[in-house]
Amino acid sequence: MTNAYQTTIAWLAAVVFATTFNPTANAHHSDSPFDKSKFLSFDATVVEFEWKNPHVFVQVETLDDDGNVVKLQLEGDGIPILIPHSWSRDSLKVGDKIRVEANPPRIAARRSLLGRTITMEDGTVLDLNPMSNRSITPSNLGVASGLTGTWLPRWESFRGLTAGRDSWSYTDEGLRVTAAYNNLTDSPQAHCVPFSAPRIMVYAVHADIEDLTDRVLINIDWMSVERMVYTDGRDHPKDGERTLQGHTIGRWEDNALVMDTTLFSEDSMAGLGGLPSGPSKRIEERMSLSDDRKTLNYQFVLEDPKYLIEPITGSGVWDYRPDLKSSGTECDLESAQRYLESVK
């Protein structure tokens, strides 16, 4: 056993402290590699900032109580999640002196921590995991003229959906597949596969909505998700191609967009709570503008008789965010899977 190995174990044990924070599930994968009931708080120096998707990483050096250098890695959320929270690729540079708050690994010798906040020397606080900490809803960004525009779902919408899994009524097959699902290794996003609807519709990354008269395009800034909503009166094709996001037809009702989606592919675990999409999965969705025209209301009903006895309902709120632009970042497979090093 090396001295560095011993130093890291001793230092982590010394600086960790308990908290009454009530954790929520990590958006990308299970949070089991990290102990979210405990925090580390320490000063550090940035030695590398990896601007990647679906996780950014900050490599830091700090000193233990004996003056020995300890090298650690902070895992953060993905680029499209961080940008609305004042991040950019220039937020950190090598040599920056920072104050770190993080959750330690459950195995103390692991060098990867779940980053929570970074405080710069000027007092600026950067949120490395906005989903785990808080949502930031900006004000004074104007009002939307309709559904067309750029929108950002609130984290509370995603939390509400994932928190309801224990109340769902599963078929025997639904119970079997959810029991067999391992959110560490089976998480689709660990393989650069995005969530399917409706989960992707409440994920806190911005979406651009464009009305093209006979169709509506919804481009979501996460792993190149595009949903095409046909509003020209067509029906779903018989024996049509099955895809991750399915085939969507829509209609306008008093300025609300009502969508019907089916033909989901069955070969992905990208659905809800470890459920793949069954052959008869169907989603009814409704998107409407709020009275103050600053938010969009999203509602859905999901039926999937292969896995669910009763339909699932859910809702979300999207904030109008015309200030946001596409991050232009693809999913990096090494970044997506690096967290697995924490559980080997």
Protein backbone atom coordinates (compact mmCIF):
# COMPACT_ATOMS: atom_id res chain seq x y z
CA MET A 1 0.00 0.00 0.00
CA THR A 2 1.50 3.32 -1.04
CA ASN A 3 1.86 6.40 1.14
CA ALA A 4 -0.39 8.35 -1.24
CA TYR A 5 -3.10 5.73 -0.82
CA GLN A 6 -2.83 5.90 2.97
CA THR A 7 -2.77 9.70 2.94
CA THR A 8 -5.97 9.96 0.89
CA ILE A 9 -7.85 7.57 3.21
CA ALA A 10 -6.72 9.41 6.34
CA TRP A 11 -7.36 12.86 4.91
CA LEU A 12 -10.88 12.04 3.68
CA ALA A 13 -11.78 10.55 7.05
CA ALA A 14 -10.52 13.65 8.81
CA VAL A 15 -12.27 16.35 6.78
CA VAL A 16 -15.63 14.72 6.15
CA PHE A 17 -18.60 15.95 8.15
CA ALA A 18 -22.22 14.84 8.29
CA THR A 19 -25.16 16.89 7.11
CA THR A 20 -28.92 16.63 7.29
CA PHE A 21 -29.19 17.36 3.56
CA ASN A 22 -31.85 15.19 1.94
CA PRO A 23 -30.29 13.86 -1.29
CA THR A 24 -32.05 13.25 -4.57
CA ALA A 25 -31.12 10.73 -7.20
CA ASN A 26 -28.36 11.74 -9.58
CA ALA A 27 -29.71 12.58 -13.00
CA HIS A 28 -27.26 10.55 -15.03
CA HIS A 29 -26.70 7.47 -12.94
CA SER A 30 -27.08 6.16 -9.43
CA ASP A 31 -25.39 8.23 -6.73
CA SER A 32 -24.25 5.06 -4.95
CA PRO A 33 -20.51 5.71 -5.53
CA PHE A 34 -20.83 8.82 -3.33
CA ASP A 35 -22.01 9.38 0.22
CA LYS A 36 -24.41 12.31 -0.17
CA SER A 37 -25.13 12.46 3.56
CA LYS A 38 -21.60 13.79 4.14
CA PHE A 39 -19.65 16.75 2.86
CA LEU A 40 -16.03 17.67 2.34
CA SER A 41 -15.08 21.32 2.52
CA PHE A 42 -11.54 22.35 1.65
CA ASP A 43 -9.33 24.81 -0.23
CA ALA A 44 -7.75 23.61 -3.46
CA THR A 45 -5.95 24.62 -6.64
CA VAL A 46 -7.30 23.76 -10.10
CA VAL A 47 -4.86 21.63 -12.12
CA GLU A 48 -7.23 20.69 -14.97
CA PHE A 49 -10.77 21.57 -16.08
CA GLU A 50 -12.38 19.06 -18.44
CA TRP A 51 -15.29 20.68 -20.31
CA LYS A 52 -17.11 17.49 -21.36
CA ASN A 53 -20.56 16.00 -21.67
CA PRO A 54 -22.38 14.35 -19.87
CA HIS A 55 -19.99 15.20 -17.00
CA VAL A 56 -17.45 17.94 -16.53
CA PHE A 57 -14.48 17.10 -14.31
CA VAL A 58 -12.26 19.34 -12.23
CA GLN A 59 -8.88 17.96 -11.20
CA VAL A 60 -7.61 19.68 -8.06
CA GLU A 61 -4.74 19.54 -5.59
CA THR A 62 -5.08 20.28 -1.90
CA LEU A 63 -2.96 19.80 1.21
CA ASP A 64 -3.66 17.47 4.10
CA ASP A 65 -2.98 18.44 7.71
CA ASP A 66 0.65 17.32 7.37
CA GLY A 67 1.26 19.44 4.29
CA ASN A 68 1.17 16.52 1.85
CA VAL A 69 -0.32 17.12 -1.61
CA VAL A 70 -3.61 15.27 -2.16
CA LYS A 71 -4.90 14.98 -5.74
CA LEU A 72 -8.65 14.67 -6.20
CA GLN A 73 -11.24 14.71 -8.96
CA LEU A 74 -14.57 16.54 -8.79
CA GLU A 75 -17.42 15.20 -10.93
CA GLY A 76 -20.01 17.72 -12.13
CA ASP A 77 -23.10 17.75 -14.30
CA GLY A 78 -22.99 17.99 -18.09
CA ILE A 79 -22.36 21.13 -20.12
CA PRO A 80 -26.00 21.83 -21.15
CA ILE A 81 -27.02 21.52 -17.49
CA LEU A 82 -24.30 23.87 -16.23
CA ILE A 83 -24.58 26.63 -18.85
CA PRO A 84 -27.91 27.99 -17.50
CA HIS A 85 -26.19 28.22 -14.12
CA SER A 86 -23.53 30.69 -15.29
CA TRP A 87 -20.90 28.16 -16.38
CA SER A 88 -18.70 28.35 -19.48
CA ARG A 89 -15.56 26.59 -20.66
CA ASP A 90 -13.65 29.60 -19.27
CA SER A 91 -15.16 29.44 -15.78
CA LEU A 92 -12.05 27.74 -14.39
CA LYS A 93 -8.42 27.82 -15.39
CA VAL A 94 -5.30 26.05 -14.21
CA GLY A 95 -3.96 27.68 -11.07
CA ASP A 96 -7.28 29.06 -9.79
CA LYS A 97 -7.55 29.01 -6.01
CA ILE A 98 -10.97 27.71 -5.01
CA ARG A 99 -13.03 26.56 -2.05
CA VAL A 100 -14.67 23.18 -2.65
CA GLU A 101 -17.73 21.51 -1.19
CA ALA A 102 -18.20 17.91 -2.30
CA ASN A 103 -19.63 14.55 -1.34
CA PRO A 104 -16.97 11.93 -0.60
CA PRO A 105 -16.81 8.50 -2.22
CA ARG A 106 -18.17 5.63 -0.17
CA ILE A 107 -14.79 3.94 -0.58
CA ALA A 108 -12.42 6.47 0.96
CA ALA A 109 -9.43 5.55 -1.18
CA ARG A 110 -11.22 6.58 -4.38
CA ARG A 111 -10.06 9.95 -5.63
CA SER A 112 -13.32 10.93 -7.36
CA LEU A 113 -15.75 13.13 -5.40
CA LEU A 114 -19.20 14.40 -6.32
CA GLY A 115 -18.62 18.13 -6.66
CA ARG A 116 -21.29 20.34 -5.14
CA THR A 117 -20.07 23.94 -5.20
CA ILE A 118 -16.91 25.84 -6.06
CA THR A 119 -16.32 29.25 -4.54
CA MET A 120 -13.90 31.49 -6.39
CA GLU A 121 -11.52 33.95 -4.71
CA ASP A 122 -13.88 36.84 -5.55
CA GLY A 123 -16.76 35.07 -3.78
CA THR A 124 -18.51 33.80 -6.93
CA VAL A 125 -20.21 30.47 -6.26
CA LEU A 126 -20.44 27.95 -9.10
CA ASP A 127 -22.85 25.04 -8.79
CA LEU A 128 -21.29 21.79 -10.05
CA ASN A 129 -24.47 19.74 -9.59
CA PRO A 130 -27.49 22.05 -9.92
CA MET A 131 -29.90 19.11 -9.81
CA SER A 132 -28.63 18.12 -6.38
CA ASN A 133 -28.53 21.65 -5.03
CA ARG A 134 -31.14 24.04 -6.35
CA SER A 135 -32.84 25.45 -9.40
CA ILE A 136 -32.19 28.98 -10.56
CA THR A 137 -35.08 30.71 -12.27
CA PRO A 138 -33.94 34.02 -13.82
CA SER A 139 -36.28 36.93 -14.15
CA ASN A 140 -36.72 39.82 -16.60
CA LEU A 141 -36.04 37.74 -19.70
CA GLY A 142 -39.12 38.99 -21.48
CA VAL A 143 -42.26 37.12 -22.47
CA ALA A 144 -42.93 34.59 -25.20
CA SER A 145 -45.29 35.27 -28.06
CA GLY A 146 -46.21 31.60 -28.26
CA LEU A 147 -44.67 28.17 -27.81
CA THR A 148 -41.98 29.00 -30.36
CA GLY A 149 -38.76 29.91 -28.61
CA THR A 150 -36.20 28.59 -26.16
CA TRP A 151 -37.27 26.98 -22.91
CA LEU A 152 -35.66 25.40 -19.86
CA PRO A 153 -37.53 22.77 -17.76
CA ARG A 154 -37.21 23.23 -14.03
CA TRP A 155 -35.43 20.55 -12.01
CA GLU A 156 -38.50 20.14 -9.82
CA SER A 157 -40.28 18.59 -12.81
CA PHE A 158 -37.63 15.89 -13.15
CA ARG A 159 -37.54 15.26 -9.42
CA GLY A 160 -41.31 14.92 -9.30
CA LEU A 161 -41.29 12.32 -12.04
CA THR A 162 -38.51 10.19 -10.56
CA ALA A 163 -39.93 10.47 -7.04
CA GLY A 164 -43.22 8.93 -8.14
CA ARG A 165 -41.81 5.57 -9.21
CA ASP A 166 -42.75 3.77 -6.00
CA SER A 167 -46.42 4.60 -6.53
CA TRP A 168 -46.65 3.17 -10.05
CA SER A 169 -48.65 -0.03 -10.63
CA TYR A 170 -46.38 -2.53 -12.36
CA THR A 171 -47.29 -5.70 -14.20
CA ASP A 172 -45.31 -8.83 -13.32
CA GLU A 173 -43.03 -8.10 -16.27
CA GLY A 174 -42.61 -4.53 -15.10
CA LEU A 175 -41.59 -5.73 -11.65
CA ARG A 176 -39.15 -8.19 -13.19
CA VAL A 177 -37.33 -5.69 -15.42
CA THR A 178 -37.15 -2.96 -12.78
CA ALA A 179 -35.73 -5.42 -10.26
CA ALA A 180 -33.08 -6.48 -12.77
CA TYR A 181 -32.15 -2.90 -13.72
CA ASN A 182 -28.80 -1.66 -12.42
CA ASN A 183 -28.69 2.12 -12.62
CA LEU A 184 -24.90 2.07 -12.50
CA THR A 185 -24.19 -0.16 -15.48
CA ASP A 186 -27.55 -0.13 -17.29
CA SER A 187 -28.11 3.64 -17.26
CA PRO A 188 -28.57 4.54 -20.94
CA GLN A 189 -26.68 7.79 -20.52
CA ALA A 190 -23.61 5.84 -19.43
CA HIS A 191 -23.64 4.62 -23.03
CA CYS A 192 -24.38 8.05 -24.57
CA VAL A 193 -28.02 7.11 -25.15
CA PRO A 194 -30.50 9.83 -24.09
CA PHE A 195 -33.72 9.29 -22.20
CA SER A 196 -36.85 8.80 -24.27
CA ALA A 197 -40.03 10.84 -23.88
CA PRO A 198 -41.53 11.80 -21.53
CA ARG A 199 -38.45 11.72 -19.29
CA ILE A 200 -36.37 13.79 -21.71
CA MET A 201 -39.12 16.42 -21.67
CA VAL A 202 -38.59 17.21 -18.00
CA TYR A 203 -34.79 17.02 -18.08
CA ALA A 204 -33.30 20.40 -17.16
CA VAL A 205 -31.58 21.19 -20.43
CA HIS A 206 -32.90 23.82 -22.80
CA ALA A 207 -35.16 23.03 -25.73
CA ASP A 208 -35.83 25.05 -28.88
CA ILE A 209 -39.37 24.86 -30.26
CA GLU A 210 -39.91 25.82 -33.89
CA ASP A 211 -43.30 25.91 -35.66
CA LEU A 212 -42.93 25.01 -39.34
CA THR A 213 -46.68 25.20 -40.14
CA ASP A 214 -47.14 21.50 -40.96
CA ARG A 215 -44.86 20.26 -38.19
CA VAL A 216 -43.25 21.39 -34.95
CA LEU A 217 -39.59 20.73 -34.19
CA ILE A 218 -38.43 20.28 -30.60
CA ASN A 219 -34.64 20.25 -30.38
CA ILE A 220 -33.33 19.34 -26.94
CA ASP A 221 -29.74 20.21 -26.07
CA TRP A 222 -28.89 16.77 -24.75
CA MET A 223 -27.27 14.07 -26.86
CA SER A 224 -28.80 15.52 -30.06
CA VAL A 225 -32.43 14.73 -29.23
CA GLU A 226 -34.91 15.93 -31.84
CA ARG A 227 -38.65 15.36 -31.73
CA MET A 228 -40.65 15.93 -34.87
CA VAL A 229 -44.35 16.62 -34.28
CA TYR A 230 -46.45 16.29 -37.44
CA THR A 231 -49.39 18.72 -37.36
CA ASP A 232 -50.62 18.20 -40.93
CA GLY A 233 -53.43 15.79 -40.02
CA ARG A 234 -51.61 12.54 -40.78
CA ASP A 235 -52.00 9.44 -38.64
CA HIS A 236 -49.31 7.16 -37.30
CA PRO A 237 -47.97 4.88 -40.05
CA LYS A 238 -48.89 1.23 -39.85
CA ASP A 239 -45.84 -0.89 -39.10
CA GLY A 240 -43.76 2.30 -39.07
CA GLU A 241 -40.15 2.51 -37.95
CA ARG A 242 -39.69 2.30 -34.20
CA THR A 243 -37.31 4.84 -32.72
CA LEU A 244 -36.11 5.94 -29.30
CA GLN A 245 -38.42 9.01 -29.27
CA GLY A 246 -41.24 7.36 -31.22
CA HIS A 247 -43.49 8.85 -33.91
CA THR A 248 -45.46 11.95 -32.90
CA ILE A 249 -48.52 13.56 -34.39
CA GLY A 250 -50.05 16.73 -32.99
CA ARG A 251 -52.81 19.27 -33.23
CA TRP A 252 -53.40 22.77 -31.94
CA GLU A 253 -56.12 23.41 -29.37
CA ASP A 254 -56.53 27.06 -28.33
CA ASN A 255 -52.79 27.75 -28.75
CA ALA A 256 -51.88 24.56 -26.88
CA LEU A 257 -49.97 21.80 -28.65
CA VAL A 258 -51.48 18.36 -28.04
CA MET A 259 -49.24 15.44 -29.02
CA ASP A 260 -49.76 11.71 -29.46
CA THR A 261 -46.67 9.49 -29.63
CA THR A 262 -46.24 5.79 -30.28
CA LEU A 263 -43.87 3.46 -32.22
CA PHE A 264 -41.16 3.53 -29.56
CA SER A 265 -38.23 1.17 -29.98
CA GLU A 266 -38.12 -1.59 -27.37
CA ASP A 267 -34.38 -2.15 -27.19
CA SER A 268 -33.46 0.63 -24.79
CA MET A 269 -33.62 1.13 -21.03
CA ALA A 270 -34.04 4.84 -21.67
CA GLY A 271 -37.61 5.06 -20.42
CA LEU A 272 -38.74 5.54 -16.84
CA GLY A 273 -37.18 4.02 -13.75
CA GLY A 274 -35.53 1.16 -15.60
CA LEU A 275 -38.52 0.42 -17.80
CA PRO A 276 -37.85 -0.02 -21.51
CA SER A 277 -40.55 1.05 -23.95
CA GLY A 278 -43.10 -1.68 -24.58
CA PRO A 279 -44.54 -2.39 -28.06
CA SER A 280 -47.79 -0.57 -27.19
CA LYS A 281 -46.31 2.36 -25.27
CA ARG A 282 -48.25 5.53 -25.98
CA ILE A 283 -47.93 9.07 -24.64
CA GLU A 284 -50.45 11.90 -24.74
CA GLU A 285 -48.76 15.26 -24.08
CA ARG A 286 -49.96 18.83 -23.83
CA MET A 287 -47.88 22.00 -23.93
CA SER A 288 -49.46 25.37 -23.24
CA LEU A 289 -48.31 28.90 -22.47
CA SER A 290 -48.96 30.33 -19.02
CA ASP A 291 -51.07 33.46 -18.59
CA ASP A 292 -48.00 35.63 -17.94
CA ARG A 293 -46.27 34.11 -21.01
CA LYS A 294 -43.06 33.48 -19.05
CA THR A 295 -43.51 29.75 -18.57
CA LEU A 296 -44.75 26.75 -20.50
CA ASN A 297 -46.89 24.10 -18.84
CA TYR A 298 -46.17 20.51 -19.81
CA GLN A 299 -48.44 17.54 -19.01
CA PHE A 300 -48.41 13.90 -20.06
CA VAL A 301 -50.23 10.59 -19.70
CA LEU A 302 -48.22 7.45 -20.44
CA GLU A 303 -49.72 4.03 -21.13
CA ASP A 304 -47.58 0.92 -21.49
CA PRO A 305 -49.64 -2.25 -20.85
CA LYS A 306 -46.62 -4.55 -21.04
CA TYR A 307 -45.08 -2.99 -17.94
CA LEU A 308 -47.77 -0.85 -16.27
CA ILE A 309 -51.19 -1.80 -14.95
CA GLU A 310 -52.33 1.82 -14.83
CA PRO A 311 -51.22 4.89 -16.79
CA ILE A 312 -48.62 7.28 -15.39
CA THR A 313 -49.33 11.00 -15.31
CA GLY A 314 -46.87 13.82 -14.85
CA SER A 315 -46.28 17.50 -15.42
CA GLY A 316 -43.57 20.10 -15.57
CA VAL A 317 -42.87 23.79 -15.90
CA TRP A 318 -40.50 25.24 -18.51
CA ASP A 319 -39.09 28.74 -18.11
CA TYR A 320 -38.72 31.05 -21.09
CA ARG A 321 -34.97 31.36 -21.71
CA PRO A 322 -34.24 33.27 -24.93
CA ASP A 323 -30.71 33.88 -23.62
CA LEU A 324 -29.69 30.23 -24.07
CA LYS A 325 -28.02 28.82 -27.17
CA SER A 326 -27.13 25.27 -28.14
CA SER A 327 -23.99 24.08 -26.41
CA GLY A 328 -22.88 22.21 -29.54
CA THR A 329 -21.35 19.42 -27.46
CA GLU A 330 -21.64 15.73 -28.19
CA CYS A 331 -21.64 12.98 -25.60
CA ASP A 332 -18.15 11.79 -24.68
CA LEU A 333 -18.24 8.07 -23.87
CA GLU A 334 -15.19 8.21 -21.60
CA SER A 335 -16.78 11.05 -19.64
CA ALA A 336 -20.08 9.15 -19.45
CA GLN A 337 -18.47 6.05 -17.97
CA ARG A 338 -15.70 7.44 -15.80
CA TYR A 339 -17.90 7.33 -12.67
CA LEU A 340 -17.70 3.53 -12.86
CA GLU A 341 -14.08 3.83 -11.70
CA SER A 342 -15.49 4.86 -8.34
CA VAL A 343 -17.22 1.51 -7.83
CA LYS A 344 -14.63 -0.95 -9.17
